[in-house]
Amino acid sequence: MQLRSILSLLPLAMLAAGACGVAQAESTYGYNSAGGGGVSARARLNISIVVPKVVVLRVGSAGAATDTLTYNARVAILRGATVTGDATATTSLPNQAVTWNGTAPSTTVPGSAARTAAAFAWTNGGSVSVSCAATAFAAGGPTLANIAVAAATGNLAHPVATLDSCAAGATPTALTANQLFSGTWTYTLTSTNASNWKAGAYSTTVTYTAAGI
């Protein structure tokens, strides 16, 4: 078959290869009219590998459920040199006898006011960081400034020192690609102003987001 005929068939062959899903390379030929000496033909093939960007974040228990950190305050009623009050009572206790000495009761959070949550983060992308946002407590009780957060262990720092900074916005915690970050975050409720809190159940939702560009 003459060279010209072969070349005329090349476009059809390339089209058929593409229809079959075969990777197509560049097609060239070399020609030397003298029938000797150097001759060459070059064909190139592009290879593309796409790695998806992934980020994984966990705060608290594994799974879809949202953990709740609960603090029970105690109202102390003075009766002489002692006090009465129950930090963990879950039932109504009406008409309890007490020899109240007339001093205004005080509200505190007894024992250890610290609660912990495990935290983990990983990404294979660059410029990824962990930030937080928090909804305000209802008026009359504790504020977000009453809850301090610190990383007790591990290499994953909490984005802020107190939850009010989550609401105001703070510098996120940067993540390094392909490095596992983990830690134990300790949430401590300070109750120095608790005697000004009104009775009620107060709650906030802290949302952590690992995101980047």
N, C-alpha and C. Protein backbone atom coordinates (compact mmCIF):
# COMPACT_ATOMS: atom_id res chain seq x y z
N MET A 1 0.85 -1.19 0.00
CA MET A 1 0.00 0.00 0.00
C MET A 1 0.89 1.24 0.00
N GLN A 2 0.58 2.21 -0.87
CA GLN A 2 1.38 3.39 -0.96
C GLN A 2 1.27 4.23 0.30
N LEU A 3 2.33 5.02 0.57
CA LEU A 3 2.37 5.86 1.77
C LEU A 3 1.19 6.83 1.82
N ARG A 4 0.87 7.40 0.64
CA ARG A 4 -0.24 8.34 0.60
C ARG A 4 -1.55 7.69 1.02
N SER A 5 -1.77 6.45 0.61
CA SER A 5 -2.99 5.74 0.99
C SER A 5 -3.03 5.47 2.49
N ILE A 6 -1.85 5.13 3.04
CA ILE A 6 -1.79 4.86 4.49
C ILE A 6 -2.13 6.11 5.28
N LEU A 7 -1.54 7.23 4.83
CA LEU A 7 -1.79 8.49 5.54
C LEU A 7 -3.25 8.90 5.46
N SER A 8 -3.89 8.61 4.34
CA SER A 8 -5.29 8.98 4.19
C SER A 8 -6.19 8.20 5.13
N LEU A 9 -5.73 7.03 5.59
CA LEU A 9 -6.54 6.21 6.49
C LEU A 9 -6.34 6.57 7.95
N LEU A 10 -5.31 7.34 8.27
CA LEU A 10 -5.01 7.66 9.67
C LEU A 10 -6.16 8.38 10.38
N PRO A 11 -6.78 9.41 9.79
CA PRO A 11 -7.89 10.07 10.51
C PRO A 11 -9.01 9.11 10.85
N LEU A 12 -9.35 8.19 9.94
CA LEU A 12 -10.41 7.23 10.21
C LEU A 12 -10.03 6.31 11.35
N ALA A 13 -8.77 5.87 11.39
CA ALA A 13 -8.31 4.99 12.46
C ALA A 13 -8.35 5.69 13.80
N MET A 14 -7.94 6.96 13.81
CA MET A 14 -7.96 7.71 15.06
C MET A 14 -9.38 7.92 15.56
N LEU A 15 -10.31 8.20 14.65
CA LEU A 15 -11.71 8.36 15.00
C LEU A 15 -12.28 7.09 15.59
N ALA A 16 -11.95 5.96 15.00
CA ALA A 16 -12.43 4.66 15.51
C ALA A 16 -11.87 4.38 16.89
N ALA A 17 -10.62 4.74 17.11
CA ALA A 17 -10.02 4.51 18.43
C ALA A 17 -10.71 5.34 19.49
N GLY A 18 -11.05 6.59 19.14
CA GLY A 18 -11.75 7.44 20.11
C GLY A 18 -13.12 6.91 20.43
N ALA A 19 -13.82 6.37 19.44
CA ALA A 19 -15.16 5.83 19.65
C ALA A 19 -15.12 4.63 20.57
N CYS A 20 -14.01 3.90 20.59
CA CYS A 20 -13.90 2.70 21.43
C CYS A 20 -13.39 3.03 22.83
N GLY A 21 -13.15 4.31 23.14
CA GLY A 21 -12.68 4.67 24.46
C GLY A 21 -11.20 4.45 24.66
N VAL A 22 -10.44 4.25 23.58
CA VAL A 22 -9.01 4.03 23.68
C VAL A 22 -8.32 5.38 23.78
N ALA A 23 -7.31 5.49 24.67
CA ALA A 23 -6.58 6.74 24.80
C ALA A 23 -5.88 7.06 23.49
N GLN A 24 -5.97 8.31 23.08
CA GLN A 24 -5.39 8.72 21.82
C GLN A 24 -4.06 9.42 22.05
N ALA A 25 -3.07 9.03 21.29
CA ALA A 25 -1.77 9.68 21.34
C ALA A 25 -1.58 10.49 20.08
N GLU A 26 -0.58 11.34 20.13
CA GLU A 26 -0.22 12.11 18.95
C GLU A 26 0.29 11.16 17.85
N SER A 27 0.00 11.49 16.60
CA SER A 27 0.42 10.64 15.48
C SER A 27 1.24 11.46 14.49
N THR A 28 2.50 11.06 14.30
CA THR A 28 3.36 11.73 13.34
C THR A 28 4.12 10.66 12.53
N TYR A 29 4.79 11.08 11.46
CA TYR A 29 5.64 10.16 10.74
C TYR A 29 6.93 10.87 10.33
N GLY A 30 7.97 10.07 10.13
CA GLY A 30 9.24 10.60 9.65
C GLY A 30 9.47 10.14 8.21
N TYR A 31 10.17 10.96 7.44
CA TYR A 31 10.33 10.67 6.02
C TYR A 31 11.71 11.14 5.57
N ASN A 32 12.39 10.26 4.86
CA ASN A 32 13.67 10.62 4.27
C ASN A 32 13.65 10.14 2.82
N SER A 33 13.64 11.06 1.91
CA SER A 33 13.50 10.69 0.49
C SER A 33 14.68 9.90 -0.04
N ALA A 34 15.82 10.01 0.65
CA ALA A 34 17.02 9.29 0.18
C ALA A 34 16.99 7.83 0.59
N GLY A 35 16.07 7.44 1.44
CA GLY A 35 15.98 6.05 1.87
C GLY A 35 17.04 5.64 2.86
N GLY A 36 17.77 6.58 3.42
CA GLY A 36 18.81 6.26 4.40
C GLY A 36 18.98 7.45 5.33
N GLY A 37 19.94 7.35 6.22
CA GLY A 37 20.17 8.43 7.17
C GLY A 37 19.14 8.42 8.29
N GLY A 38 19.22 9.44 9.10
CA GLY A 38 18.34 9.51 10.27
C GLY A 38 16.89 9.81 9.91
N VAL A 39 16.00 9.25 10.67
CA VAL A 39 14.57 9.51 10.51
C VAL A 39 13.90 9.29 11.86
N SER A 40 12.86 10.03 12.15
CA SER A 40 12.20 9.88 13.46
C SER A 40 10.72 10.21 13.36
N ALA A 41 9.96 9.69 14.30
CA ALA A 41 8.53 10.01 14.44
C ALA A 41 8.24 10.11 15.93
N ARG A 42 7.51 11.11 16.31
CA ARG A 42 7.23 11.36 17.72
C ARG A 42 5.74 11.23 17.99
N ALA A 43 5.41 10.58 19.10
CA ALA A 43 4.01 10.49 19.54
C ALA A 43 3.96 10.75 21.03
N ARG A 44 3.10 11.65 21.47
CA ARG A 44 2.99 11.99 22.88
C ARG A 44 1.60 11.62 23.42
N LEU A 45 1.55 11.31 24.71
CA LEU A 45 0.30 10.94 25.37
C LEU A 45 0.21 11.69 26.69
N ASN A 46 -0.87 12.39 26.90
CA ASN A 46 -1.09 13.08 28.17
C ASN A 46 -1.76 12.15 29.17
N ILE A 47 -1.27 12.13 30.40
CA ILE A 47 -1.87 11.35 31.49
C ILE A 47 -2.29 12.32 32.59
N SER A 48 -3.55 12.27 32.99
CA SER A 48 -4.10 13.15 34.02
C SER A 48 -4.57 12.33 35.22
N ILE A 49 -4.12 12.70 36.41
CA ILE A 49 -4.55 12.04 37.65
C ILE A 49 -5.21 13.07 38.54
N VAL A 50 -6.45 12.84 38.92
CA VAL A 50 -7.21 13.76 39.75
C VAL A 50 -7.41 13.15 41.13
N VAL A 51 -6.94 13.81 42.16
CA VAL A 51 -7.14 13.37 43.55
C VAL A 51 -8.17 14.29 44.19
N PRO A 52 -9.33 13.77 44.61
CA PRO A 52 -10.36 14.64 45.19
C PRO A 52 -9.91 15.22 46.52
N LYS A 53 -10.35 16.44 46.79
CA LYS A 53 -10.04 17.07 48.07
C LYS A 53 -11.03 16.58 49.13
N VAL A 54 -10.50 16.16 50.27
CA VAL A 54 -11.33 15.60 51.34
C VAL A 54 -10.98 16.29 52.65
N VAL A 55 -11.98 16.58 53.45
CA VAL A 55 -11.76 17.07 54.81
C VAL A 55 -12.73 16.34 55.73
N VAL A 56 -12.24 15.87 56.88
CA VAL A 56 -13.04 15.12 57.83
C VAL A 56 -12.92 15.80 59.20
N LEU A 57 -14.04 15.97 59.89
CA LEU A 57 -14.04 16.65 61.19
C LEU A 57 -14.97 15.91 62.14
N ARG A 58 -14.50 15.73 63.36
CA ARG A 58 -15.33 15.11 64.40
C ARG A 58 -15.11 15.85 65.71
N VAL A 59 -16.21 16.22 66.38
CA VAL A 59 -16.15 16.79 67.72
C VAL A 59 -17.16 16.03 68.57
N GLY A 60 -16.69 15.34 69.59
CA GLY A 60 -17.56 14.52 70.42
C GLY A 60 -17.56 13.08 69.94
N SER A 61 -18.67 12.39 70.15
CA SER A 61 -18.77 10.98 69.80
C SER A 61 -18.83 10.80 68.29
N ALA A 62 -18.41 9.63 67.81
CA ALA A 62 -18.48 9.32 66.39
C ALA A 62 -19.93 9.06 66.01
N GLY A 63 -20.29 9.47 64.80
CA GLY A 63 -21.65 9.23 64.33
C GLY A 63 -22.40 10.53 64.10
N ALA A 64 -23.70 10.39 63.83
CA ALA A 64 -24.51 11.54 63.46
C ALA A 64 -25.09 12.29 64.65
N ALA A 65 -25.13 11.67 65.82
CA ALA A 65 -25.74 12.30 66.99
C ALA A 65 -24.87 13.44 67.51
N THR A 66 -25.50 14.50 68.00
CA THR A 66 -24.79 15.63 68.59
C THR A 66 -24.71 15.45 70.10
N ASP A 67 -23.50 15.47 70.65
CA ASP A 67 -23.32 15.32 72.09
C ASP A 67 -23.82 16.57 72.81
N THR A 68 -24.26 16.39 74.05
CA THR A 68 -24.67 17.50 74.90
C THR A 68 -23.84 17.50 76.18
N LEU A 69 -23.21 18.62 76.47
CA LEU A 69 -22.47 18.80 77.72
C LEU A 69 -23.40 19.50 78.70
N THR A 70 -23.69 18.85 79.83
CA THR A 70 -24.68 19.36 80.77
C THR A 70 -24.02 19.81 82.07
N TYR A 71 -24.40 20.99 82.54
CA TYR A 71 -23.94 21.53 83.82
C TYR A 71 -25.17 21.76 84.69
N ASN A 72 -25.10 21.33 85.95
CA ASN A 72 -26.20 21.53 86.89
C ASN A 72 -25.77 22.52 87.97
N ALA A 73 -26.46 23.64 88.03
CA ALA A 73 -26.16 24.65 89.04
C ALA A 73 -26.81 24.28 90.37
N ARG A 74 -26.27 24.85 91.43
CA ARG A 74 -26.81 24.61 92.77
C ARG A 74 -27.14 25.95 93.41
N VAL A 75 -28.34 26.03 93.98
CA VAL A 75 -28.73 27.21 94.74
C VAL A 75 -28.64 26.86 96.22
N ALA A 76 -27.73 27.54 96.93
CA ALA A 76 -27.47 27.24 98.34
C ALA A 76 -28.28 28.18 99.24
N ILE A 77 -29.09 27.59 100.12
CA ILE A 77 -29.90 28.36 101.06
C ILE A 77 -29.26 28.25 102.43
N LEU A 78 -28.86 29.37 102.98
CA LEU A 78 -28.17 29.35 104.27
C LEU A 78 -29.14 29.07 105.41
N ARG A 79 -28.71 28.18 106.28
CA ARG A 79 -29.49 27.89 107.49
C ARG A 79 -28.48 27.73 108.63
N GLY A 80 -28.17 28.80 109.25
CA GLY A 80 -27.15 28.78 110.27
C GLY A 80 -25.78 28.66 109.62
N ALA A 81 -25.01 27.69 110.05
CA ALA A 81 -23.65 27.52 109.54
C ALA A 81 -23.60 26.56 108.35
N THR A 82 -24.71 25.96 107.97
CA THR A 82 -24.73 24.99 106.87
C THR A 82 -25.64 25.48 105.75
N VAL A 83 -25.61 24.76 104.64
CA VAL A 83 -26.45 25.11 103.51
C VAL A 83 -27.24 23.90 103.07
N THR A 84 -28.29 24.12 102.34
CA THR A 84 -29.04 23.03 101.73
C THR A 84 -29.19 23.30 100.25
N GLY A 85 -29.34 22.28 99.48
CA GLY A 85 -29.46 22.43 98.03
C GLY A 85 -29.01 21.15 97.36
N ASP A 86 -29.50 20.91 96.17
CA ASP A 86 -29.17 19.67 95.47
C ASP A 86 -28.81 20.01 94.04
N ALA A 87 -27.60 19.63 93.62
CA ALA A 87 -27.14 19.95 92.27
C ALA A 87 -27.71 19.01 91.22
N THR A 88 -28.19 17.85 91.65
CA THR A 88 -28.57 16.84 90.66
C THR A 88 -30.01 16.38 90.77
N ALA A 89 -30.81 17.00 91.60
CA ALA A 89 -32.19 16.56 91.77
C ALA A 89 -32.95 16.70 90.47
N THR A 90 -33.66 15.66 90.07
CA THR A 90 -34.43 15.68 88.83
C THR A 90 -35.93 15.63 89.09
N THR A 91 -36.32 15.59 90.35
CA THR A 91 -37.74 15.56 90.68
C THR A 91 -38.10 16.81 91.47
N SER A 92 -39.38 17.14 91.48
CA SER A 92 -39.86 18.29 92.23
C SER A 92 -39.89 17.96 93.72
N LEU A 93 -39.41 18.88 94.54
CA LEU A 93 -39.39 18.68 96.00
C LEU A 93 -40.14 19.83 96.66
N PRO A 94 -41.46 19.74 96.73
CA PRO A 94 -42.23 20.84 97.31
C PRO A 94 -42.23 20.81 98.83
N ASN A 95 -42.38 21.97 99.42
CA ASN A 95 -42.63 22.12 100.86
C ASN A 95 -41.56 21.47 101.72
N GLN A 96 -40.28 21.70 101.38
CA GLN A 96 -39.19 21.16 102.17
C GLN A 96 -38.87 22.11 103.33
N ALA A 97 -38.74 21.54 104.51
CA ALA A 97 -38.46 22.35 105.69
C ALA A 97 -37.03 22.88 105.65
N VAL A 98 -36.82 24.15 106.00
CA VAL A 98 -35.50 24.74 106.04
C VAL A 98 -35.48 25.87 107.06
N THR A 99 -34.45 25.91 107.84
CA THR A 99 -34.29 26.99 108.80
C THR A 99 -33.43 28.07 108.15
N TRP A 100 -34.09 28.86 107.33
CA TRP A 100 -33.38 29.87 106.54
C TRP A 100 -33.01 31.04 107.43
N ASN A 101 -31.75 31.49 107.34
CA ASN A 101 -31.30 32.57 108.22
C ASN A 101 -31.52 33.95 107.63
N GLY A 102 -32.18 34.01 106.45
CA GLY A 102 -32.51 35.31 105.86
C GLY A 102 -31.47 35.87 104.93
N THR A 103 -30.37 35.15 104.72
CA THR A 103 -29.35 35.60 103.77
C THR A 103 -29.74 35.15 102.36
N ALA A 104 -29.51 36.02 101.40
CA ALA A 104 -29.88 35.69 100.02
C ALA A 104 -29.16 34.43 99.57
N PRO A 105 -29.87 33.46 98.97
CA PRO A 105 -29.22 32.26 98.45
C PRO A 105 -28.17 32.60 97.39
N SER A 106 -27.21 31.70 97.21
CA SER A 106 -26.17 31.89 96.20
C SER A 106 -26.20 30.73 95.22
N THR A 107 -25.89 31.03 93.94
CA THR A 107 -25.91 30.02 92.90
C THR A 107 -24.48 29.74 92.45
N THR A 108 -24.15 28.47 92.41
CA THR A 108 -22.82 28.05 91.95
C THR A 108 -22.96 26.79 91.10
N VAL A 109 -21.87 26.39 90.47
CA VAL A 109 -21.79 25.10 89.79
C VAL A 109 -20.82 24.27 90.61
N PRO A 110 -21.32 23.30 91.39
CA PRO A 110 -20.45 22.60 92.34
C PRO A 110 -19.52 21.60 91.66
N GLY A 111 -18.49 21.24 92.42
CA GLY A 111 -17.56 20.23 91.93
C GLY A 111 -16.82 20.70 90.69
N SER A 112 -16.45 19.77 89.86
CA SER A 112 -15.73 20.10 88.64
C SER A 112 -16.71 20.62 87.60
N ALA A 113 -16.45 21.83 87.12
CA ALA A 113 -17.32 22.42 86.11
C ALA A 113 -16.77 22.16 84.71
N ALA A 114 -15.86 21.21 84.58
CA ALA A 114 -15.23 20.92 83.29
C ALA A 114 -15.89 19.73 82.62
N ARG A 115 -16.12 19.85 81.33
CA ARG A 115 -16.63 18.75 80.51
C ARG A 115 -15.70 18.61 79.31
N THR A 116 -15.53 17.41 78.79
CA THR A 116 -14.59 17.20 77.70
C THR A 116 -15.27 16.62 76.46
N ALA A 117 -14.64 16.86 75.32
CA ALA A 117 -15.09 16.29 74.04
C ALA A 117 -13.87 15.97 73.20
N ALA A 118 -13.88 14.80 72.58
CA ALA A 118 -12.79 14.43 71.68
C ALA A 118 -12.96 15.18 70.36
N ALA A 119 -11.84 15.56 69.76
CA ALA A 119 -11.88 16.29 68.49
C ALA A 119 -10.83 15.70 67.54
N PHE A 120 -11.24 15.52 66.28
CA PHE A 120 -10.35 14.98 65.25
C PHE A 120 -10.56 15.75 63.95
N ALA A 121 -9.48 15.92 63.19
CA ALA A 121 -9.59 16.58 61.89
C ALA A 121 -8.50 16.05 60.97
N TRP A 122 -8.83 15.96 59.68
CA TRP A 122 -7.86 15.53 58.66
C TRP A 122 -8.27 16.08 57.32
N THR A 123 -7.30 16.44 56.52
CA THR A 123 -7.56 16.87 55.16
C THR A 123 -6.36 16.57 54.28
N ASN A 124 -6.61 16.41 53.01
CA ASN A 124 -5.51 16.27 52.06
C ASN A 124 -5.37 17.52 51.20
N GLY A 125 -6.12 18.57 51.57
CA GLY A 125 -6.07 19.81 50.82
C GLY A 125 -5.26 20.87 51.54
N GLY A 126 -4.82 21.86 50.81
CA GLY A 126 -4.12 22.98 51.41
C GLY A 126 -5.10 24.08 51.80
N SER A 127 -4.67 24.97 52.66
CA SER A 127 -5.47 26.12 53.08
C SER A 127 -6.81 25.71 53.67
N VAL A 128 -6.80 24.71 54.54
CA VAL A 128 -8.01 24.25 55.23
C VAL A 128 -7.85 24.56 56.71
N SER A 129 -8.90 25.04 57.35
CA SER A 129 -8.83 25.39 58.76
C SER A 129 -10.16 25.11 59.45
N VAL A 130 -10.11 25.04 60.79
CA VAL A 130 -11.29 24.76 61.62
C VAL A 130 -11.71 26.05 62.31
N SER A 131 -12.97 26.42 62.15
CA SER A 131 -13.52 27.60 62.81
C SER A 131 -14.76 27.21 63.59
N CYS A 132 -15.28 28.14 64.39
CA CYS A 132 -16.47 27.84 65.20
C CYS A 132 -17.43 29.02 65.19
N ALA A 133 -18.68 28.70 65.44
CA ALA A 133 -19.73 29.70 65.60
C ALA A 133 -20.65 29.21 66.71
N ALA A 134 -21.21 30.13 67.48
CA ALA A 134 -22.05 29.74 68.61
C ALA A 134 -23.26 30.66 68.71
N THR A 135 -24.40 30.07 69.03
CA THR A 135 -25.61 30.86 69.25
C THR A 135 -25.63 31.37 70.68
N ALA A 136 -26.16 32.55 70.88
CA ALA A 136 -26.18 33.16 72.21
C ALA A 136 -27.18 32.45 73.12
N PHE A 137 -26.86 32.40 74.43
CA PHE A 137 -27.82 31.91 75.41
C PHE A 137 -28.98 32.90 75.51
N ALA A 138 -30.12 32.42 75.98
CA ALA A 138 -31.24 33.31 76.24
C ALA A 138 -30.85 34.30 77.34
N ALA A 139 -31.45 35.48 77.30
CA ALA A 139 -31.12 36.54 78.26
C ALA A 139 -31.51 36.11 79.68
N GLY A 140 -30.72 36.57 80.65
CA GLY A 140 -31.04 36.32 82.06
C GLY A 140 -30.19 35.26 82.71
N GLY A 141 -29.44 34.50 81.92
CA GLY A 141 -28.63 33.43 82.47
C GLY A 141 -27.16 33.60 82.13
N PRO A 142 -26.44 32.49 82.01
CA PRO A 142 -25.02 32.57 81.65
C PRO A 142 -24.86 33.10 80.23
N THR A 143 -23.68 33.58 79.93
CA THR A 143 -23.35 34.05 78.58
C THR A 143 -22.27 33.16 78.00
N LEU A 144 -22.00 33.32 76.73
CA LEU A 144 -20.96 32.52 76.09
C LEU A 144 -19.59 32.78 76.71
N ALA A 145 -19.42 33.96 77.30
CA ALA A 145 -18.14 34.27 77.95
C ALA A 145 -17.91 33.43 79.20
N ASN A 146 -18.97 32.81 79.73
CA ASN A 146 -18.84 31.96 80.91
C ASN A 146 -18.22 30.59 80.59
N ILE A 147 -18.10 30.25 79.32
CA ILE A 147 -17.58 28.93 78.95
C ILE A 147 -16.22 29.10 78.28
N ALA A 148 -15.18 28.64 78.99
CA ALA A 148 -13.82 28.65 78.45
C ALA A 148 -13.52 27.29 77.84
N VAL A 149 -12.73 27.28 76.79
CA VAL A 149 -12.39 26.03 76.11
C VAL A 149 -10.87 25.98 75.90
N ALA A 150 -10.29 24.85 76.22
CA ALA A 150 -8.86 24.66 76.03
C ALA A 150 -8.60 23.25 75.52
N ALA A 151 -7.53 23.09 74.77
CA ALA A 151 -7.12 21.77 74.29
C ALA A 151 -6.23 21.14 75.35
N ALA A 152 -6.77 20.15 76.06
CA ALA A 152 -6.02 19.54 77.15
C ALA A 152 -4.91 18.64 76.62
N THR A 153 -5.14 17.96 75.53
CA THR A 153 -4.15 17.06 74.95
C THR A 153 -4.19 17.17 73.44
N GLY A 154 -3.15 16.65 72.78
CA GLY A 154 -3.17 16.54 71.33
C GLY A 154 -2.66 17.78 70.61
N ASN A 155 -2.73 17.73 69.28
CA ASN A 155 -2.21 18.80 68.44
C ASN A 155 -3.29 19.61 67.74
N LEU A 156 -4.56 19.38 68.09
CA LEU A 156 -5.65 20.15 67.49
C LEU A 156 -6.11 21.21 68.48
N ALA A 157 -5.69 22.42 68.26
CA ALA A 157 -6.05 23.51 69.16
C ALA A 157 -7.49 23.96 68.91
N HIS A 158 -8.16 24.35 70.00
CA HIS A 158 -9.50 24.92 69.84
C HIS A 158 -9.36 26.32 69.24
N PRO A 159 -10.25 26.72 68.33
CA PRO A 159 -10.08 28.01 67.65
C PRO A 159 -10.07 29.22 68.57
N VAL A 160 -10.77 29.14 69.71
CA VAL A 160 -10.89 30.31 70.59
C VAL A 160 -10.75 29.88 72.05
N ALA A 161 -10.56 30.86 72.93
CA ALA A 161 -10.41 30.57 74.36
C ALA A 161 -11.74 30.54 75.09
N THR A 162 -12.70 31.33 74.66
CA THR A 162 -14.05 31.33 75.24
C THR A 162 -15.06 31.38 74.10
N LEU A 163 -16.25 30.85 74.37
CA LEU A 163 -17.23 30.69 73.29
C LEU A 163 -17.76 32.01 72.77
N ASP A 164 -17.64 33.09 73.52
CA ASP A 164 -18.09 34.37 72.99
C ASP A 164 -17.25 34.80 71.80
N SER A 165 -15.99 34.33 71.76
CA SER A 165 -15.14 34.63 70.60
C SER A 165 -15.60 33.85 69.37
N CYS A 166 -16.24 32.69 69.57
CA CYS A 166 -16.84 31.97 68.44
C CYS A 166 -17.91 32.82 67.79
N ALA A 167 -18.72 33.46 68.64
CA ALA A 167 -19.80 34.29 68.11
C ALA A 167 -19.26 35.54 67.43
N ALA A 168 -18.15 36.07 67.96
CA ALA A 168 -17.59 37.30 67.40
C ALA A 168 -16.71 37.03 66.20
N GLY A 169 -16.27 35.80 66.03
CA GLY A 169 -15.35 35.47 64.95
C GLY A 169 -13.92 35.49 65.47
N ALA A 170 -13.14 34.53 65.08
CA ALA A 170 -11.76 34.43 65.55
C ALA A 170 -10.91 33.77 64.49
N THR A 171 -9.60 33.78 64.71
CA THR A 171 -8.68 33.15 63.77
C THR A 171 -8.87 31.64 63.79
N PRO A 172 -9.18 31.01 62.65
CA PRO A 172 -9.38 29.55 62.64
C PRO A 172 -8.09 28.79 62.91
N THR A 173 -8.23 27.52 63.28
CA THR A 173 -7.09 26.64 63.49
C THR A 173 -6.70 26.02 62.15
N ALA A 174 -5.49 26.30 61.69
CA ALA A 174 -5.05 25.81 60.38
C ALA A 174 -4.68 24.34 60.45
N LEU A 175 -4.98 23.61 59.38
CA LEU A 175 -4.65 22.20 59.27
C LEU A 175 -3.57 22.01 58.21
N THR A 176 -2.69 21.07 58.45
CA THR A 176 -1.65 20.70 57.49
C THR A 176 -2.13 19.50 56.69
N ALA A 177 -1.94 19.54 55.39
CA ALA A 177 -2.41 18.45 54.53
C ALA A 177 -1.78 17.13 54.90
N ASN A 178 -2.62 16.09 54.92
CA ASN A 178 -2.20 14.70 55.17
C ASN A 178 -1.58 14.49 56.55
N GLN A 179 -1.97 15.32 57.50
CA GLN A 179 -1.55 15.13 58.90
C GLN A 179 -2.80 14.99 59.76
N LEU A 180 -2.81 13.96 60.60
CA LEU A 180 -3.95 13.76 61.49
C LEU A 180 -3.85 14.70 62.68
N PHE A 181 -4.92 15.42 62.94
CA PHE A 181 -5.00 16.29 64.10
C PHE A 181 -6.03 15.72 65.06
N SER A 182 -5.70 15.73 66.34
CA SER A 182 -6.63 15.22 67.35
C SER A 182 -6.36 15.92 68.68
N GLY A 183 -7.33 15.85 69.56
CA GLY A 183 -7.16 16.46 70.86
C GLY A 183 -8.37 16.22 71.73
N THR A 184 -8.24 16.58 72.99
CA THR A 184 -9.35 16.57 73.93
C THR A 184 -9.64 18.00 74.31
N TRP A 185 -10.81 18.49 73.94
CA TRP A 185 -11.19 19.86 74.25
C TRP A 185 -11.95 19.88 75.57
N THR A 186 -11.52 20.73 76.49
CA THR A 186 -12.13 20.84 77.82
C THR A 186 -12.93 22.13 77.90
N TYR A 187 -14.21 21.98 78.21
CA TYR A 187 -15.14 23.12 78.33
C TYR A 187 -15.40 23.36 79.81
N THR A 188 -15.05 24.55 80.29
CA THR A 188 -15.19 24.87 81.71
C THR A 188 -16.18 26.00 81.89
N LEU A 189 -17.21 25.76 82.70
CA LEU A 189 -18.21 26.78 82.99
C LEU A 189 -17.80 27.55 84.23
N THR A 190 -17.58 28.84 84.09
CA THR A 190 -17.28 29.69 85.23
C THR A 190 -18.58 30.28 85.77
N SER A 191 -18.72 30.25 87.08
CA SER A 191 -20.00 30.66 87.68
C SER A 191 -19.81 31.79 88.69
N THR A 192 -18.82 32.64 88.47
CA THR A 192 -18.58 33.73 89.41
C THR A 192 -19.76 34.71 89.46
N ASN A 193 -20.52 34.80 88.38
CA ASN A 193 -21.69 35.69 88.36
C ASN A 193 -22.99 34.91 88.40
N ALA A 194 -22.93 33.65 88.84
CA ALA A 194 -24.11 32.78 88.75
C ALA A 194 -25.26 33.23 89.64
N SER A 195 -24.97 33.97 90.71
CA SER A 195 -26.05 34.42 91.59
C SER A 195 -26.96 35.42 90.91
N ASN A 196 -26.55 35.92 89.75
CA ASN A 196 -27.41 36.83 88.98
C ASN A 196 -28.22 36.10 87.91
N TRP A 197 -28.02 34.79 87.78
CA TRP A 197 -28.75 34.04 86.77
C TRP A 197 -30.18 33.78 87.21
N LYS A 198 -31.10 33.93 86.30
CA LYS A 198 -32.49 33.59 86.58
C LYS A 198 -32.71 32.10 86.36
N ALA A 199 -33.71 31.55 87.03
CA ALA A 199 -34.01 30.13 86.87
C ALA A 199 -34.41 29.85 85.42
N GLY A 200 -34.00 28.70 84.93
CA GLY A 200 -34.36 28.32 83.57
C GLY A 200 -33.34 27.37 82.99
N ALA A 201 -33.65 26.83 81.84
CA ALA A 201 -32.74 25.95 81.10
C ALA A 201 -32.16 26.76 79.94
N TYR A 202 -30.86 26.87 79.92
CA TYR A 202 -30.17 27.68 78.91
C TYR A 202 -29.33 26.76 78.03
N SER A 203 -29.36 27.01 76.75
CA SER A 203 -28.60 26.15 75.84
C SER A 203 -28.02 26.96 74.69
N THR A 204 -26.95 26.44 74.14
CA THR A 204 -26.33 27.01 72.95
C THR A 204 -25.87 25.88 72.05
N THR A 205 -25.76 26.14 70.79
CA THR A 205 -25.21 25.19 69.84
C THR A 205 -23.92 25.76 69.27
N VAL A 206 -22.84 25.01 69.43
CA VAL A 206 -21.55 25.42 68.88
C VAL A 206 -21.33 24.62 67.60
N THR A 207 -21.14 25.31 66.52
CA THR A 207 -20.95 24.66 65.22
C THR A 207 -19.49 24.83 64.78
N TYR A 208 -18.84 23.71 64.54
CA TYR A 208 -17.46 23.72 64.06
C TYR A 208 -17.44 23.41 62.58
N THR A 209 -16.64 24.13 61.84
CA THR A 209 -16.57 23.96 60.39
C THR A 209 -15.11 23.85 59.96
N ALA A 210 -14.79 22.79 59.23
CA ALA A 210 -13.49 22.65 58.61
C ALA A 210 -13.67 22.94 57.13
N ALA A 211 -13.07 23.99 56.66
CA ALA A 211 -13.29 24.40 55.27
C ALA A 211 -12.04 25.11 54.76
N GLY A 212 -11.96 25.23 53.46
CA GLY A 212 -10.83 25.91 52.85
C GLY A 212 -11.09 26.20 51.39
N ILE A 213 -10.08 26.69 50.73
CA ILE A 213 -10.21 27.01 49.32
C ILE A 213 -9.46 25.97 48.51
